[in-house]
Amino acid sequence: MAVMPVVAADEVLRLLRAVYESRGVPPDEARAVAAHQVGANLAGHDSHGVIRTPDYVRRIEKGDIVPGAPFEVERETGSTAVVNGNWGFGFVQTERAMRLAVAKARAHGVAAVTIRYQGHMGRLGAYAELAAAEGMISLITADSGRGPKAVVPYGGTSPRLGTNPICFGVPTGTFPLVLDMATSAVAGGKVAVHRNTGEPLPPGLLLDARGRPSTDPADYFAGGALLPMGGAQAHKGFGLSVVVEVLCGLLTGLGFGVAEDARHNDGNFIALFDVARFRDPREFTADVDAFVAFLKDTPLAAGHDEILVPGELEARTTATRRASGLDLDDRTWHDLLALLPEAPA
């Protein structure tokens, strides 16, 4: 069993900022990237947190991520925008795009923004939470641009799609309702977590390089592929993934397939709806809270202690981990220390 160091969130933030600033990332961008990564770990999504740091550093050194890249609005109307991220950090450019979308939705009731040519944008739920705090319902999707593919089509054995997550966010009177899920059977980062901790995957998630079912996380990194979400009903996950690809690959102009340089870039689609344009926000959030209570007021099936709605577990986990610290697997922790400008001996 791998050792799990427990480190205060603020200390991890400090270390991440040092890693990025030592590689030429502007301080404000280093702070934003570190905050998104730590936020993912706090929420319990370690697959999108600190574990990604070596990959981001490699992409900076290779030139695939460009620190300080301009945020360029190439095309715009009152309620829409097309953004070129110029290969900047996805965290930074997507947050800027979300704030632009919020301003447009505030002015016009609804807004849609697409983004292309940016690095990995991390956990989509973080942006839905930002929108919910502004009183907005959100739909956010992302694909891998024309970077390497990870997911096979339903009935296939060779990858043609990214993990293509889809996210909905809804403001409430308490924590935001946030449904954030990959359209693959499992997110690629979660496979990396299993690799680092030495735990096999459950059956039905992964194929090896020869197209055979596998539970060994190492097979994914040796040319394997993920299955679409849905198990025996995987055509549903595949269908959702196709729609995400249309919104984030074709509507953005990124295209599909894998480019010759296989440079990873997250295509992104954001749609926002200002609740205040439809009804009184306080009445709406009160109704959402009452709806959540209605869902929870049901007899429980065997093996279940309570009904959890989307976003509730993340809110609880964030509060717990903020108080107790982040559990980082031994490999992730030592990878982070090795990337510091003055790495410990």
Foldseek 3Di string as FASTA:
>chain_A
DFAWDFAALVVQLVLQLLLVVVLPAPSVVSNQLQVLQSLCLLLVNPLQHLLCSVVVVVCSVVVQADHPFDWDFPDDDLAETFTERQAHALCVNVLVVLVVNLVSCVVPQKHKYKYKRYADNTFPQVSLQVQLVSQKKKKKKKWFQQADFFEPAVVDFAGFTHQIWIWIWGHAPPGIFMDIGGQFQHHLSVLVVCVLVVHWADWDFWAAQVRHTGRRSVRSVVNIHTYGHDRVVSNVSNVVRVVSCCQFHVVSVSHGYHDPVSRTMMIMMMMIGRVVVVHDSNVVNVVVVVVVVVVFPDDDDPPDDTDDGHPRSSVVSSVVCNVRGGTHTPVSVQVSLVSRPDRDD
